[in-house]
Amino acid sequence: MGWFSKKKSGTKEDVKSKSWSPFQKLKNSLSKTRSKITSKFKDLLSFKRKIDEGVLEELEVVLLESDIGVGLVTKIIEDIREAWKSEKVEDTSAVYDFLKNDLKQSLKGGNSSIKIASSPPTVIMVAGVNGVGKTTSIAKLANLFIKQGKKVMLAAGDTFRAAATEQLDIWSKRIGADIVKHQAGADPAAVTFDALEASISRGVDVLIVDTAGRLHTHENLMNELTKMKRVISKRIENAPHEVLMVLDATTGQNAISQAKLFKEAVDITGIFLSKLDGTAKGGSILGMRKEIDIPVKYVGLGEGIDDIQEFDADKFVDALFD
């Protein structure tokens, strides 16, 4: 359960938690990951030592143990080595700030903001395997748009899992979003088409299309994703405007492997990283740009409907290393 769910409403603790700033909330959600990463750095960098190849080797080991990915670790070590040889970084006391700035720059490639259609509706497809928190993440995203004053519709395109449609229907009523759904086992592309027609006729600002979440090794699932995208693009020019993939932060580097396989079937434009509060493997987000070249656009920070933030590279790194 997320920390929102554990606290009784109206208690002093509950009031205090709800008054947290967005940055403090992000920092709290990263506590497990921060503890794992920074504790190792403190041991290495607490004493002022001249940079040499031995120090770089120690730093490389620490980074590799932090779940940030081999590709990014290699780049960071090369950047520090270059800074050392050019005398920009001479001892370990300067490594911490250099590392933070290097990570911020590596995370800033690509556009981390959602692409909004020039004329509504903005169509967002959401993909992801079962168990990553896809349905809840869709609800959080829809609720965020609703709070921005937008009219939102959900398309229950995960027709292969009966509970998915039921859960999405419950969420739609809670947050005040329209929903288009068919019976279990229906053609997902048909649900998508009906939702497109309904969103246009009802003047919807944002249409969020759920997709089947069976194992990514199933070829028929990938074919279905491609078919749904084709239906959308035929009905609305330049749509879908976003294809978000929900990844579970607790799976670490395995999440990146999932994204690579899904990207082969459909052009993933952004990552929604869920369950960031429940893991020490949040460092995996740092290597995603290097490994899969897909920007992280949203992070899920708990189980509450408001536990969502747009991704900001500077704030994320600051919260992780503060």
Protein backbone atom coordinates (compact mmCIF):
# COMPACT_ATOMS: atom_id res chain seq x y z
CA MET A 1 0.00 0.00 0.00
CA GLY A 2 1.17 3.59 -0.63
CA TRP A 3 1.72 5.96 2.25
CA PHE A 4 -1.47 7.87 1.37
CA SER A 5 -3.49 4.71 1.97
CA LYS A 6 -1.94 3.97 5.34
CA LYS A 7 -2.75 7.24 7.05
CA LYS A 8 -6.16 7.93 8.50
CA SER A 9 -7.82 10.98 7.05
CA GLY A 10 -7.89 13.96 9.33
CA THR A 11 -4.92 13.00 11.49
CA LYS A 12 -2.07 15.44 12.05
CA GLU A 13 0.21 13.14 10.11
CA ASP A 14 -2.20 13.06 7.19
CA VAL A 15 -2.52 16.86 7.11
CA LYS A 16 1.25 17.21 7.23
CA SER A 17 1.78 14.77 4.36
CA LYS A 18 -0.77 16.50 2.15
CA SER A 19 0.92 19.86 2.78
CA TRP A 20 4.22 18.63 1.36
CA SER A 21 5.59 20.56 -1.59
CA PRO A 22 5.80 18.64 -4.88
CA PHE A 23 9.60 18.52 -4.50
CA GLN A 24 9.39 17.17 -0.95
CA LYS A 25 6.91 14.55 -2.12
CA LEU A 26 9.28 13.50 -4.91
CA LYS A 27 12.17 13.42 -2.46
CA ASN A 28 10.20 11.24 -0.05
CA SER A 29 9.23 8.82 -2.81
CA LEU A 30 12.88 8.45 -3.76
CA SER A 31 14.03 7.75 -0.20
CA LYS A 32 14.76 4.05 -0.78
CA THR A 33 16.63 4.68 -4.02
CA ARG A 34 18.49 7.67 -2.56
CA SER A 35 19.59 5.62 0.45
CA LYS A 36 20.94 2.89 -1.80
CA ILE A 37 22.86 5.24 -4.08
CA THR A 38 24.10 8.04 -1.82
CA SER A 39 25.26 5.77 1.01
CA LYS A 40 27.76 4.22 -1.38
CA PHE A 41 28.89 7.60 -2.64
CA LYS A 42 29.43 8.91 0.88
CA ASP A 43 31.86 6.10 1.60
CA LEU A 44 33.79 6.82 -1.56
CA LEU A 45 33.73 10.62 -1.60
CA SER A 46 33.72 11.52 2.10
CA PHE A 47 37.50 11.89 2.17
CA LYS A 48 39.21 14.31 -0.19
CA ARG A 49 41.29 12.20 -2.56
CA LYS A 50 43.08 13.06 -5.75
CA ILE A 51 41.41 11.59 -8.83
CA ASP A 52 43.27 8.68 -10.40
CA GLU A 53 42.35 5.52 -12.28
CA GLY A 54 41.87 3.66 -8.99
CA VAL A 55 39.25 6.17 -7.83
CA LEU A 56 37.50 5.98 -11.21
CA GLU A 57 37.35 2.19 -10.94
CA GLU A 58 35.81 2.43 -7.47
CA LEU A 59 33.29 4.98 -8.71
CA GLU A 60 32.39 2.75 -11.65
CA VAL A 61 31.61 -0.14 -9.29
CA VAL A 62 29.39 2.11 -7.13
CA LEU A 63 27.50 3.36 -10.19
CA LEU A 64 27.00 -0.14 -11.57
CA GLU A 65 25.51 -1.24 -8.23
CA SER A 66 23.01 1.63 -8.42
CA ASP A 67 20.86 0.18 -11.24
CA ILE A 68 21.51 3.05 -13.62
CA GLY A 69 22.68 0.88 -16.52
CA VAL A 70 26.02 -0.04 -18.06
CA GLY A 71 25.69 2.39 -20.98
CA LEU A 72 25.22 5.45 -18.80
CA VAL A 73 27.88 4.34 -16.31
CA THR A 74 30.41 4.07 -19.13
CA LYS A 75 29.52 7.56 -20.35
CA ILE A 76 29.74 9.08 -16.84
CA ILE A 77 33.15 7.55 -16.14
CA GLU A 78 34.45 8.82 -19.48
CA ASP A 79 33.08 12.30 -18.77
CA ILE A 80 34.75 12.38 -15.34
CA ARG A 81 38.00 11.05 -16.80
CA GLU A 82 37.97 13.78 -19.44
CA ALA A 83 37.22 16.44 -16.78
CA TRP A 84 40.08 15.08 -14.64
CA LYS A 85 42.59 15.13 -17.47
CA SER A 86 41.57 18.68 -18.40
CA GLU A 87 41.94 19.62 -14.71
CA LYS A 88 38.28 20.66 -14.33
CA VAL A 89 37.90 18.02 -11.61
CA GLU A 90 40.98 17.31 -9.52
CA ASP A 91 39.74 15.51 -6.41
CA THR A 92 36.75 13.57 -5.08
CA SER A 93 35.21 16.64 -3.42
CA ALA A 94 34.26 17.96 -6.88
CA VAL A 95 32.93 14.66 -8.23
CA TYR A 96 29.52 14.84 -6.52
CA ASP A 97 28.44 18.11 -8.16
CA PHE A 98 29.97 17.10 -11.48
CA LEU A 99 28.04 13.83 -11.38
CA LYS A 100 24.75 15.58 -10.63
CA ASN A 101 25.18 18.02 -13.51
CA ASP A 102 26.22 15.23 -15.86
CA LEU A 103 23.11 13.19 -14.98
CA LYS A 104 20.83 16.20 -15.45
CA GLN A 105 22.18 16.76 -18.94
CA SER A 106 21.87 13.08 -19.87
CA LEU A 107 18.19 13.09 -18.84
CA LYS A 108 17.27 16.20 -20.81
CA GLY A 109 17.46 14.73 -24.30
CA GLY A 110 14.09 14.69 -26.04
CA ASN A 111 10.86 16.41 -25.08
CA SER A 112 9.59 15.43 -21.63
CA SER A 113 6.31 17.34 -22.00
CA ILE A 114 3.13 15.88 -23.46
CA LYS A 115 2.37 16.78 -27.06
CA ILE A 116 -1.03 18.47 -27.25
CA ALA A 117 -2.95 18.35 -30.53
CA SER A 118 -3.45 21.65 -32.38
CA SER A 119 -7.17 20.86 -32.33
CA PRO A 120 -8.86 18.41 -29.92
CA PRO A 121 -8.95 15.63 -29.16
CA THR A 122 -5.39 14.86 -28.10
CA VAL A 123 -5.13 11.07 -28.34
CA ILE A 124 -2.84 9.18 -25.95
CA MET A 125 -2.28 5.43 -26.23
CA VAL A 126 -1.05 3.71 -23.07
CA ALA A 127 0.84 0.40 -23.22
CA GLY A 128 2.48 -1.86 -20.66
CA VAL A 129 2.50 -5.45 -19.42
CA ASN A 130 0.10 -6.68 -16.76
CA GLY A 131 1.08 -5.80 -13.21
CA VAL A 132 2.95 -2.56 -13.86
CA GLY A 133 0.11 -0.35 -12.59
CA LYS A 134 -1.17 0.64 -16.03
CA THR A 135 -4.85 1.13 -15.10
CA THR A 136 -4.05 3.23 -12.03
CA SER A 137 -1.51 5.27 -14.01
CA ILE A 138 -4.17 6.01 -16.67
CA ALA A 139 -6.54 7.17 -13.93
CA LYS A 140 -3.86 9.45 -12.45
CA LEU A 141 -3.09 10.93 -15.86
CA ALA A 142 -6.78 11.47 -16.64
CA ASN A 143 -7.36 13.09 -13.27
CA LEU A 144 -4.39 15.41 -13.86
CA PHE A 145 -5.91 16.59 -17.16
CA ILE A 146 -9.33 17.02 -15.54
CA LYS A 147 -7.79 19.23 -12.85
CA GLN A 148 -6.36 21.33 -15.67
CA GLY A 149 -9.91 21.94 -16.86
CA LYS A 150 -9.91 19.47 -19.73
CA LYS A 151 -12.72 17.10 -20.70
CA VAL A 152 -11.33 13.58 -20.69
CA MET A 153 -12.53 10.28 -22.16
CA LEU A 154 -11.14 6.80 -21.50
CA ALA A 155 -11.22 3.94 -24.02
CA ALA A 156 -11.22 0.51 -22.36
CA GLY A 157 -9.10 -1.18 -25.01
CA ASP A 158 -7.69 -3.90 -22.74
CA THR A 159 -10.60 -6.22 -23.53
CA PHE A 160 -8.65 -9.42 -22.93
CA ARG A 161 -8.59 -8.89 -19.16
CA ALA A 162 -12.14 -8.43 -17.85
CA ALA A 163 -10.93 -6.79 -14.63
CA ALA A 164 -9.14 -4.08 -16.64
CA THR A 165 -12.40 -2.71 -18.08
CA GLU A 166 -14.12 -2.97 -14.70
CA GLN A 167 -11.30 -1.12 -12.93
CA LEU A 168 -11.17 1.60 -15.57
CA ASP A 169 -14.93 2.03 -15.35
CA ILE A 170 -14.72 2.49 -11.57
CA TRP A 171 -11.94 5.05 -11.94
CA SER A 172 -13.86 6.96 -14.63
CA LYS A 173 -16.78 7.44 -12.24
CA ARG A 174 -14.50 8.54 -9.40
CA ILE A 175 -12.68 11.20 -11.37
CA GLY A 176 -15.51 12.31 -13.66
CA ALA A 177 -14.23 11.07 -17.02
CA ASP A 178 -16.31 9.66 -19.87
CA ILE A 179 -15.62 6.07 -20.87
CA VAL A 180 -16.23 3.89 -23.93
CA LYS A 181 -16.22 0.16 -23.28
CA HIS A 182 -17.33 -3.10 -24.91
CA GLN A 183 -17.88 -6.58 -23.55
CA ALA A 184 -14.94 -8.75 -22.50
CA GLY A 185 -13.07 -10.22 -25.46
CA ALA A 186 -14.24 -7.56 -27.91
CA ASP A 187 -11.97 -6.27 -30.66
CA PRO A 188 -9.74 -3.57 -29.08
CA ALA A 189 -9.56 -1.72 -32.40
CA ALA A 190 -13.38 -1.52 -32.46
CA VAL A 191 -13.43 -0.05 -28.96
CA THR A 192 -10.81 2.45 -30.05
CA PHE A 193 -12.78 3.47 -33.14
CA ASP A 194 -15.98 3.98 -31.16
CA ALA A 195 -14.08 6.06 -28.59
CA LEU A 196 -12.61 8.22 -31.34
CA GLU A 197 -16.07 8.89 -32.78
CA ALA A 198 -17.51 9.62 -29.34
CA SER A 199 -14.67 11.93 -28.36
CA ILE A 200 -15.11 13.98 -31.52
CA SER A 201 -18.90 14.22 -31.18
CA ARG A 202 -18.76 15.12 -27.47
CA GLY A 203 -16.03 17.72 -27.76
CA VAL A 204 -13.52 15.81 -25.66
CA ASP A 205 -10.12 17.44 -25.10
CA VAL A 206 -8.10 14.30 -24.27
CA LEU A 207 -8.79 10.68 -25.20
CA ILE A 208 -6.71 8.10 -23.33
CA VAL A 209 -6.72 4.64 -24.90
CA ASP A 210 -5.88 1.64 -22.73
CA THR A 211 -4.30 -1.34 -24.49
CA ALA A 212 -3.90 -5.04 -23.72
CA GLY A 213 -1.19 -5.87 -21.21
CA ARG A 214 -0.33 -9.48 -21.92
CA LEU A 215 3.30 -10.59 -21.95
CA HIS A 216 5.43 -8.64 -24.40
CA THR A 217 6.63 -11.88 -25.99
CA HIS A 218 3.20 -12.50 -27.50
CA GLU A 219 3.33 -11.57 -31.17
CA ASN A 220 -0.46 -11.17 -31.38
CA LEU A 221 -0.35 -8.48 -28.70
CA MET A 222 2.18 -6.49 -30.69
CA ASN A 223 0.09 -6.88 -33.82
CA GLU A 224 -2.94 -5.62 -31.89
CA LEU A 225 -1.06 -2.52 -30.76
CA THR A 226 -0.05 -1.80 -34.34
CA LYS A 227 -3.66 -2.27 -35.51
CA MET A 228 -5.02 0.09 -32.84
CA LYS A 229 -2.51 2.76 -33.76
CA ARG A 230 -3.42 2.40 -37.44
CA VAL A 231 -7.14 2.85 -36.64
CA ILE A 232 -6.35 6.02 -34.69
CA SER A 233 -4.12 7.55 -37.36
CA LYS A 234 -6.71 6.90 -40.10
CA ARG A 235 -9.45 8.69 -38.15
CA ILE A 236 -7.41 11.60 -36.77
CA GLU A 237 -4.45 13.01 -38.63
CA ASN A 238 -1.12 12.87 -36.73
CA ALA A 239 -2.70 10.78 -33.97
CA PRO A 240 -1.96 9.19 -31.59
CA HIS A 241 -0.14 12.26 -30.37
CA GLU A 242 1.53 10.26 -27.60
CA VAL A 243 2.17 6.57 -26.99
CA LEU A 244 3.07 6.22 -23.34
CA MET A 245 4.45 3.03 -21.85
CA VAL A 246 3.94 2.34 -18.16
CA LEU A 247 7.01 0.75 -16.59
CA ASP A 248 7.26 -0.57 -13.05
CA ALA A 249 10.22 1.08 -11.29
CA THR A 250 10.56 -1.91 -8.94
CA THR A 251 11.72 -4.09 -11.86
CA GLY A 252 14.85 -2.00 -12.45
CA GLN A 253 16.71 -2.85 -15.66
CA ASN A 254 14.00 -5.35 -16.68
CA ALA A 255 11.73 -2.38 -17.35
CA ILE A 256 14.15 -1.16 -20.00
CA SER A 257 14.08 -4.58 -21.70
CA GLN A 258 10.27 -4.39 -21.84
CA ALA A 259 10.40 -0.93 -23.42
CA LYS A 260 12.82 -2.08 -26.11
CA LEU A 261 10.49 -4.90 -27.17
CA PHE A 262 7.36 -2.73 -27.19
CA LYS A 263 9.19 -0.08 -29.20
CA GLU A 264 9.63 -2.62 -31.99
CA ALA A 265 5.84 -2.87 -32.36
CA VAL A 266 4.75 0.71 -31.80
CA ASP A 267 6.61 3.99 -31.62
CA ILE A 268 6.74 4.68 -27.87
CA THR A 269 7.02 8.44 -27.32
CA GLY A 270 7.27 8.56 -23.54
CA ILE A 271 7.59 6.60 -20.31
CA PHE A 272 5.27 6.69 -17.29
CA LEU A 273 7.40 5.25 -14.47
CA SER A 274 5.10 3.83 -11.80
CA LYS A 275 5.68 2.65 -8.20
CA LEU A 276 8.71 4.87 -7.71
CA ASP A 277 7.96 5.15 -4.00
CA GLY A 278 8.19 1.41 -3.34
CA THR A 279 11.64 0.58 -4.66
CA ALA A 280 15.38 1.09 -4.24
CA LYS A 281 15.77 0.55 -8.00
CA GLY A 282 14.63 4.03 -9.06
CA GLY A 283 18.13 4.62 -10.38
CA SER A 284 17.08 2.75 -13.51
CA ILE A 285 15.34 5.91 -14.68
CA LEU A 286 18.72 7.58 -15.03
CA GLY A 287 19.85 5.18 -17.74
CA MET A 288 16.64 5.10 -19.77
CA ARG A 289 17.59 7.93 -22.10
CA LYS A 290 20.89 6.23 -22.90
CA GLU A 291 19.46 2.72 -23.27
CA ILE A 292 16.17 3.26 -25.11
CA ASP A 293 16.18 6.93 -26.17
CA ILE A 294 12.64 7.48 -24.86
CA PRO A 295 12.01 10.39 -22.48
CA VAL A 296 10.37 9.82 -19.10
CA LYS A 297 7.28 12.04 -19.05
CA TYR A 298 5.52 11.11 -15.80
CA VAL A 299 6.38 9.41 -12.52
CA GLY A 300 3.98 7.69 -10.12
CA LEU A 301 4.80 8.42 -6.49
CA GLY A 302 2.23 6.30 -4.62
CA GLU A 303 -1.23 4.77 -4.82
CA GLY A 304 -3.26 7.96 -4.38
CA ILE A 305 -4.95 9.50 -7.42
CA ASP A 306 -2.83 12.65 -7.02
CA ASP A 307 0.45 10.75 -6.66
CA ILE A 308 1.71 11.76 -10.10
CA GLN A 309 4.20 14.35 -11.30
CA GLU A 310 5.42 15.50 -14.66
CA PHE A 311 9.05 14.49 -14.96
CA ASP A 312 11.63 17.22 -14.43
CA ALA A 313 15.28 16.16 -14.84
CA ASP A 314 16.74 18.86 -12.59
CA LYS A 315 14.28 18.24 -9.76
CA PHE A 316 14.61 14.46 -10.05
CA VAL A 317 18.41 14.49 -9.74
CA ASP A 318 18.31 17.06 -6.94
CA ALA A 319 15.77 14.94 -5.03
CA LEU A 320 17.84 11.80 -5.60
CA PHE A 321 21.15 13.26 -4.45
CA ASP A 322 20.00 15.83 -1.88
